[in-house]
C-alpha atoms as a PDB file:
ATOM      1  CA  UNK A   1       0.000   0.000   0.000  1.00  0.00           C
ATOM      2  CA  UNK A   2       1.225   3.484  -0.877  1.00  0.00           C
ATOM      3  CA  UNK A   3       0.731   6.683   1.140  1.00  0.00           C
ATOM      4  CA  UNK A   4       1.199  10.140  -0.347  1.00  0.00           C
ATOM      5  CA  UNK A   5       2.187  13.123   1.791  1.00  0.00           C
ATOM      6  CA  UNK A   6       2.607  16.330  -0.203  1.00  0.00           C
ATOM      7  CA  UNK A   7       5.462  18.666   0.721  1.00  0.00           C
ATOM      8  CA  UNK A   8       4.548  22.034   2.163  1.00  0.00           C
ATOM      9  CA  UNK A   9       4.983  25.538   0.727  1.00  0.00           C
ATOM     10  CA  UNK A  10       6.521  28.488   2.581  1.00  0.00           C
ATOM     11  CA  UNK A  11       3.642  30.978   2.484  1.00  0.00           C
ATOM     12  CA  UNK A  12       5.610  33.653   4.309  1.00  0.00           C
ATOM     13  CA  UNK A  13       8.191  33.695   1.531  1.00  0.00           C
ATOM     14  CA  UNK A  14       5.832  32.959  -1.347  1.00  0.00           C
ATOM     15  CA  UNK A  15       2.981  35.256  -0.411  1.00  0.00           C
ATOM     16  CA  UNK A  16      -0.142  35.969  -2.422  1.00  0.00           C
ATOM     17  CA  UNK A  17      -0.160  39.021  -4.710  1.00  0.00           C
ATOM     18  CA  UNK A  18      -3.454  40.256  -6.110  1.00  0.00           C
ATOM     19  CA  UNK A  19      -3.260  40.217  -9.894  1.00  0.00           C
ATOM     20  CA  UNK A  20      -4.752  42.220 -12.717  1.00  0.00           C
ATOM     21  CA  UNK A  21      -5.017  40.711 -16.212  1.00  0.00           C
ATOM     22  CA  UNK A  22      -2.246  42.150 -18.422  1.00  0.00           C
ATOM     23  CA  UNK A  23      -2.688  43.743 -21.815  1.00  0.00           C
ATOM     24  CA  UNK A  24      -0.846  42.666 -24.952  1.00  0.00           C
ATOM     25  CA  UNK A  25       2.522  43.022 -23.202  1.00  0.00           C
ATOM     26  CA  UNK A  26       3.194  40.433 -20.507  1.00  0.00           C
ATOM     27  CA  UNK A  27       5.858  38.311 -18.839  1.00  0.00           C
ATOM     28  CA  UNK A  28       5.944  34.503 -18.745  1.00  0.00           C
ATOM     29  CA  UNK A  29       7.955  32.556 -16.155  1.00  0.00           C
ATOM     30  CA  UNK A  30       9.147  28.953 -16.112  1.00  0.00           C
ATOM     31  CA  UNK A  31      11.674  27.273 -13.827  1.00  0.00           C
ATOM     32  CA  UNK A  32      13.649  24.140 -13.063  1.00  0.00           C
ATOM     33  CA  UNK A  33      17.188  22.779 -13.054  1.00  0.00           C
ATOM     34  CA  UNK A  34      18.154  22.344 -16.718  1.00  0.00           C
ATOM     35  CA  UNK A  35      17.509  18.824 -17.995  1.00  0.00           C
ATOM     36  CA  UNK A  36      16.058  17.883 -21.374  1.00  0.00           C
ATOM     37  CA  UNK A  37      12.755  16.639 -19.948  1.00  0.00           C
ATOM     38  CA  UNK A  38      11.981  20.137 -18.660  1.00  0.00           C
ATOM     39  CA  UNK A  39      10.795  21.019 -22.185  1.00  0.00           C
ATOM     40  CA  UNK A  40      11.610  24.723 -21.856  1.00  0.00           C
ATOM     41  CA  UNK A  41      11.740  24.781 -25.657  1.00  0.00           C
ATOM     42  CA  UNK A  42       7.956  24.407 -25.650  1.00  0.00           C
ATOM     43  CA  UNK A  43       7.589  27.664 -23.711  1.00  0.00           C
ATOM     44  CA  UNK A  44      10.036  29.492 -26.002  1.00  0.00           C
ATOM     45  CA  UNK A  45       8.126  28.309 -29.070  1.00  0.00           C
ATOM     46  CA  UNK A  46       4.819  29.270 -27.433  1.00  0.00           C
ATOM     47  CA  UNK A  47       6.160  32.776 -26.767  1.00  0.00           C
ATOM     48  CA  UNK A  48       7.242  33.037 -30.411  1.00  0.00           C
ATOM     49  CA  UNK A  49       3.749  31.998 -31.514  1.00  0.00           C
ATOM     50  CA  UNK A  50       2.259  34.697 -29.297  1.00  0.00           C
ATOM     51  CA  UNK A  51       4.638  37.245 -30.816  1.00  0.00           C
ATOM     52  CA  UNK A  52       3.603  36.161 -34.314  1.00  0.00           C
ATOM     53  CA  UNK A  53      -0.026  36.752 -33.319  1.00  0.00           C
ATOM     54  CA  UNK A  54       0.669  40.361 -32.387  1.00  0.00           C
ATOM     55  CA  UNK A  55       1.296  40.007 -28.663  1.00  0.00           C
ATOM     56  CA  UNK A  56       4.369  41.337 -26.885  1.00  0.00           C
ATOM     57  CA  UNK A  57       5.638  38.549 -24.569  1.00  0.00           C
ATOM     58  CA  UNK A  58       8.841  38.261 -22.593  1.00  0.00           C
ATOM     59  CA  UNK A  59      10.022  34.942 -21.153  1.00  0.00           C
ATOM     60  CA  UNK A  60      12.164  34.289 -18.091  1.00  0.00           C
ATOM     61  CA  UNK A  61      13.547  30.785 -17.506  1.00  0.00           C
ATOM     62  CA  UNK A  62      14.920  30.225 -14.004  1.00  0.00           C
ATOM     63  CA  UNK A  63      17.283  27.376 -13.206  1.00  0.00           C
ATOM     64  CA  UNK A  64      20.867  26.200 -12.977  1.00  0.00           C
ATOM     65  CA  UNK A  65      21.909  25.597 -16.586  1.00  0.00           C
ATOM     66  CA  UNK A  66      25.345  24.179 -15.693  1.00  0.00           C
ATOM     67  CA  UNK A  67      23.634  20.821 -15.042  1.00  0.00           C
ATOM     68  CA  UNK A  68      23.140  20.341 -18.794  1.00  0.00           C
ATOM     69  CA  UNK A  69      25.174  22.848 -20.812  1.00  0.00           C
ATOM     70  CA  UNK A  70      24.336  21.144 -24.105  1.00  0.00           C
ATOM     71  CA  UNK A  71      20.619  21.603 -23.426  1.00  0.00           C
ATOM     72  CA  UNK A  72      21.197  25.238 -22.421  1.00  0.00           C
ATOM     73  CA  UNK A  73      23.022  25.961 -25.689  1.00  0.00           C
ATOM     74  CA  UNK A  74      20.235  24.278 -27.663  1.00  0.00           C
ATOM     75  CA  UNK A  75      17.667  26.494 -25.929  1.00  0.00           C
ATOM     76  CA  UNK A  76      19.729  29.598 -26.677  1.00  0.00           C
ATOM     77  CA  UNK A  77      19.742  28.635 -30.361  1.00  0.00           C
ATOM     78  CA  UNK A  78      15.953  28.235 -30.315  1.00  0.00           C
ATOM     79  CA  UNK A  79      15.588  31.625 -28.613  1.00  0.00           C
ATOM     80  CA  UNK A  80      17.908  33.239 -31.173  1.00  0.00           C
ATOM     81  CA  UNK A  81      15.648  31.885 -33.905  1.00  0.00           C
ATOM     82  CA  UNK A  82      12.897  34.084 -32.493  1.00  0.00           C
ATOM     83  CA  UNK A  83      14.318  37.064 -30.545  1.00  0.00           C
ATOM     84  CA  UNK A  84      16.973  36.325 -27.924  1.00  0.00           C
ATOM     85  CA  UNK A  85      16.378  39.737 -26.336  1.00  0.00           C
ATOM     86  CA  UNK A  86      12.959  38.529 -25.238  1.00  0.00           C
ATOM     87  CA  UNK A  87      14.236  35.369 -23.500  1.00  0.00           C
ATOM     88  CA  UNK A  88      16.224  35.551 -20.254  1.00  0.00           C
ATOM     89  CA  UNK A  89      18.016  32.565 -18.717  1.00  0.00           C
ATOM     90  CA  UNK A  90      18.730  33.622 -15.138  1.00  0.00           C
ATOM     91  CA  UNK A  91      20.831  30.675 -14.019  1.00  0.00           C
ATOM     92  CA  UNK A  92      20.742  29.769 -10.351  1.00  0.00           C
ATOM     93  CA  UNK A  93      19.138  32.486  -8.197  1.00  0.00           C
ATOM     94  CA  UNK A  94      18.224  33.036  -4.547  1.00  0.00           C
ATOM     95  CA  UNK A  95      14.774  32.443  -3.064  1.00  0.00           C
ATOM     96  CA  UNK A  96      14.361  36.202  -2.699  1.00  0.00           C
ATOM     97  CA  UNK A  97      15.121  36.736  -6.390  1.00  0.00           C
ATOM     98  CA  UNK A  98      12.687  33.959  -7.288  1.00  0.00           C
ATOM     99  CA  UNK A  99      10.017  35.547  -5.104  1.00  0.00           C
ATOM    100  CA  UNK A 100      10.467  38.879  -6.909  1.00  0.00           C
ATOM    101  CA  UNK A 101      10.084  37.162 -10.304  1.00  0.00           C
ATOM    102  CA  UNK A 102       6.970  35.281  -9.201  1.00  0.00           C
ATOM    103  CA  UNK A 103       5.429  38.523  -8.040  1.00  0.00           C
ATOM    104  CA  UNK A 104       6.319  40.533 -11.150  1.00  0.00           C
ATOM    105  CA  UNK A 105       5.359  38.065 -13.909  1.00  0.00           C
ATOM    106  CA  UNK A 106       1.901  37.380 -15.329  1.00  0.00           C
ATOM    107  CA  UNK A 107       1.944  33.640 -16.151  1.00  0.00           C
ATOM    108  CA  UNK A 108       3.778  30.562 -14.913  1.00  0.00           C
ATOM    109  CA  UNK A 109       4.219  27.603 -17.278  1.00  0.00           C
ATOM    110  CA  UNK A 110       5.053  24.114 -15.990  1.00  0.00           C
ATOM    111  CA  UNK A 111       5.821  22.124 -19.175  1.00  0.00           C
ATOM    112  CA  UNK A 112       8.010  19.454 -17.590  1.00  0.00           C
ATOM    113  CA  UNK A 113       7.812  15.777 -18.461  1.00  0.00           C
ATOM    114  CA  UNK A 114       8.020  14.868 -14.781  1.00  0.00           C
ATOM    115  CA  UNK A 115       5.543  13.965 -12.092  1.00  0.00           C
ATOM    116  CA  UNK A 116       5.816  16.618  -9.405  1.00  0.00           C
ATOM    117  CA  UNK A 117       7.577  19.831  -8.429  1.00  0.00           C
ATOM    118  CA  UNK A 118       7.288  22.303  -5.585  1.00  0.00           C
ATOM    119  CA  UNK A 119       7.862  25.196  -8.006  1.00  0.00           C
ATOM    120  CA  UNK A 120       4.355  24.949  -9.456  1.00  0.00           C
ATOM    121  CA  UNK A 121       2.824  25.301  -5.982  1.00  0.00           C
ATOM    122  CA  UNK A 122       5.083  28.235  -5.100  1.00  0.00           C
ATOM    123  CA  UNK A 123       3.921  30.029  -8.249  1.00  0.00           C
ATOM    124  CA  UNK A 124       0.281  29.321  -7.464  1.00  0.00           C
ATOM    125  CA  UNK A 125       0.758  30.451  -3.855  1.00  0.00           C
ATOM    126  CA  UNK A 126       1.852  33.840  -5.235  1.00  0.00           C
ATOM    127  CA  UNK A 127      -1.374  34.027  -7.238  1.00  0.00           C
ATOM    128  CA  UNK A 128       0.402  33.494 -10.557  1.00  0.00           C
ATOM    129  CA  UNK A 129      -2.019  31.938 -13.091  1.00  0.00           C
ATOM    130  CA  UNK A 130      -0.413  28.647 -14.024  1.00  0.00           C
ATOM    131  CA  UNK A 131      -0.404  26.392 -17.091  1.00  0.00           C
ATOM    132  CA  UNK A 132       0.491  22.755 -16.392  1.00  0.00           C
ATOM    133  CA  UNK A 133       1.458  19.880 -18.695  1.00  0.00           C
ATOM    134  CA  UNK A 134      -1.090  17.111 -18.366  1.00  0.00           C
ATOM    135  CA  UNK A 135       1.084  14.314 -16.987  1.00  0.00           C
ATOM    136  CA  UNK A 136       0.651  12.189 -13.847  1.00  0.00           C
ATOM    137  CA  UNK A 137       1.660  14.249 -10.815  1.00  0.00           C
ATOM    138  CA  UNK A 138       1.019  17.936 -10.214  1.00  0.00           C
ATOM    139  CA  UNK A 139      -1.963  18.291 -12.533  1.00  0.00           C
ATOM    140  CA  UNK A 140      -3.772  15.453 -10.701  1.00  0.00           C
ATOM    141  CA  UNK A 141      -3.930  17.607  -7.564  1.00  0.00           C
ATOM    142  CA  UNK A 142      -5.955  20.389  -9.254  1.00  0.00           C
ATOM    143  CA  UNK A 143      -8.949  20.990 -11.505  1.00  0.00           C
ATOM    144  CA  UNK A 144      -8.597  22.320 -15.047  1.00  0.00           C
ATOM    145  CA  UNK A 145     -10.177  25.761 -15.381  1.00  0.00           C
ATOM    146  CA  UNK A 146     -10.492  26.113 -11.618  1.00  0.00           C
ATOM    147  CA  UNK A 147      -6.932  26.142 -10.240  1.00  0.00           C
ATOM    148  CA  UNK A 148      -4.837  26.091 -13.442  1.00  0.00           C
ATOM    149  CA  UNK A 149      -5.126  25.400 -17.164  1.00  0.00           C
ATOM    150  CA  UNK A 150      -3.971  22.015 -18.454  1.00  0.00           C
ATOM    151  CA  UNK A 151      -2.183  21.449 -21.772  1.00  0.00           C
ATOM    152  CA  UNK A 152      -1.012  18.277 -23.528  1.00  0.00           C
ATOM    153  CA  UNK A 153       2.733  17.693 -22.997  1.00  0.00           C
ATOM    154  CA  UNK A 154       5.054  18.746 -25.812  1.00  0.00           C
ATOM    155  CA  UNK A 155       2.514  21.075 -27.438  1.00  0.00           C
ATOM    156  CA  UNK A 156       3.771  24.703 -27.625  1.00  0.00           C
ATOM    157  CA  UNK A 157       0.657  25.726 -29.564  1.00  0.00           C
ATOM    158  CA  UNK A 158      -1.520  24.578 -26.654  1.00  0.00           C
ATOM    159  CA  UNK A 159       0.522  26.707 -24.231  1.00  0.00           C
ATOM    160  CA  UNK A 160       0.037  29.734 -26.491  1.00  0.00           C
ATOM    161  CA  UNK A 161      -3.700  29.037 -26.743  1.00  0.00           C
ATOM    162  CA  UNK A 162      -3.998  28.758 -22.949  1.00  0.00           C
ATOM    163  CA  UNK A 163      -2.255  32.103 -22.456  1.00  0.00           C
ATOM    164  CA  UNK A 164      -4.501  33.755 -25.052  1.00  0.00           C
ATOM    165  CA  UNK A 165      -7.538  32.319 -23.270  1.00  0.00           C
ATOM    166  CA  UNK A 166      -6.406  33.861 -19.976  1.00  0.00           C
ATOM    167  CA  UNK A 167      -5.664  37.172 -21.713  1.00  0.00           C
ATOM    168  CA  UNK A 168      -9.027  37.378 -23.438  1.00  0.00           C
ATOM    169  CA  UNK A 169     -11.169  36.153 -20.525  1.00  0.00           C
ATOM    170  CA  UNK A 170     -10.153  38.444 -17.607  1.00  0.00           C
ATOM    171  CA  UNK A 171     -12.562  36.784 -15.166  1.00  0.00           C
ATOM    172  CA  UNK A 172     -10.890  33.420 -15.807  1.00  0.00           C
ATOM    173  CA  UNK A 173      -7.458  34.964 -15.217  1.00  0.00           C
ATOM    174  CA  UNK A 174      -8.634  36.370 -11.859  1.00  0.00           C
ATOM    175  CA  UNK A 175     -10.462  33.160 -10.903  1.00  0.00           C
ATOM    176  CA  UNK A 176      -7.463  30.903 -11.497  1.00  0.00           C
ATOM    177  CA  UNK A 177      -5.147  33.345  -9.720  1.00  0.00           C
ATOM    178  CA  UNK A 178      -7.343  33.359  -6.617  1.00  0.00           C
ATOM    179  CA  UNK A 179      -8.520  29.739  -6.549  1.00  0.00           C
ATOM    180  CA  UNK A 180      -5.071  28.339  -7.341  1.00  0.00           C
ATOM    181  CA  UNK A 181      -3.634  30.211  -4.362  1.00  0.00           C
ATOM    182  CA  UNK A 182      -6.513  29.029  -2.145  1.00  0.00           C
ATOM    183  CA  UNK A 183      -5.956  25.400  -3.175  1.00  0.00           C
ATOM    184  CA  UNK A 184      -2.253  25.514  -2.318  1.00  0.00           C
ATOM    185  CA  UNK A 185      -2.972  27.037   1.082  1.00  0.00           C
ATOM    186  CA  UNK A 186      -5.568  24.374   1.853  1.00  0.00           C
ATOM    187  CA  UNK A 187      -3.689  21.318   0.632  1.00  0.00           C
ATOM    188  CA  UNK A 188       0.023  22.071   0.505  1.00  0.00           C
ATOM    189  CA  UNK A 189       0.869  23.784   3.781  1.00  0.00           C
ATOM    190  CA  UNK A 190       3.476  22.383   6.155  1.00  0.00           C
ATOM    191  CA  UNK A 191       0.748  21.827   8.751  1.00  0.00           C
ATOM    192  CA  UNK A 192      -1.149  19.688   6.195  1.00  0.00           C
ATOM    193  CA  UNK A 193       2.069  17.786   5.493  1.00  0.00           C
ATOM    194  CA  UNK A 194       2.526  17.165   9.235  1.00  0.00           C
ATOM    195  CA  UNK A 195      -1.072  15.923   9.548  1.00  0.00           C
ATOM    196  CA  UNK A 196      -0.569  13.552   6.597  1.00  0.00           C
ATOM    197  CA  UNK A 197       2.659  12.172   8.071  1.00  0.00           C
ATOM    198  CA  UNK A 198       1.042  11.654  11.493  1.00  0.00           C
ATOM    199  CA  UNK A 199      -1.775   9.787   9.746  1.00  0.00           C
ATOM    200  CA  UNK A 200       0.741   7.560   7.930  1.00  0.00           C
ATOM    201  CA  UNK A 201       2.595   6.725  11.153  1.00  0.00           C
ATOM    202  CA  UNK A 202      -0.668   6.058  12.978  1.00  0.00           C
ATOM    203  CA  UNK A 203      -1.876   3.656  10.296  1.00  0.00           C
ATOM    204  CA  UNK A 204       1.468   1.812  10.298  1.00  0.00           C
ATOM    205  CA  UNK A 205       1.528   1.530  14.093  1.00  0.00           C
ATOM    206  CA  UNK A 206      -2.087   0.284  14.164  1.00  0.00           C
ATOM    207  CA  UNK A 207      -0.939  -2.715  12.147  1.00  0.00           C
END
C-alpha cells in the first residue's frame, strides 16, 4: 500500500499578490534545473507563436543551466531563432530573487515531463495563473479551469492558446489566480504535510 504526503509551501516567503489581467505586453515565467525533460523549448516556441499573433511577450527561464550545458546551448539557439532579447536565462538564483520574479510576472508555465515539483505550488501560492502539462503528478492535484489550465505535454501551440484564453477572458485569469492560491494554502501547507505524516505513522503503528 502506498501513502502520499505532499510537501509544504513556505507561504511567508511565497505570499499571495493580487493580480490584474495584463494587456498585450506580458511576462511569462518557467523554472527548473536544466535537464532535457523540462521542455523549456515548448515555452520558447509558445512565446514566439504569441509574438507572431501580435502580442508582446517576454520569457524568463529560471534554473541552474550548468547541469546540462548542451541543453542550455540548444535552448539559446531556439531563442535566437525568435528574438533572444525577449528570453532571459537567469541561471541559479536566490529564493528572494525567485520571489520577486513570481510577483512581477503574469503567467507561470510548468511544461516538464516529470511527475511533481514544488515550483508549481510556489507560483500558485503567489497568485500566478499557471499552465500545467497534463502528466501524472502535479496536474492530478488540481482541476482544469479552476486552479490552473492544463495542456497536452510537448505542445507549444496549446501553451500559447492557454495564455490567449487567460488574456481574453479576464474573469478566468482572476479566478485561477485566486482559486489556485486558495488550493495551495488548503492542501500544501506544512501543517497539512505534518497531519498527513502523522496519519501515515498512525496507520502503520495500528498494524
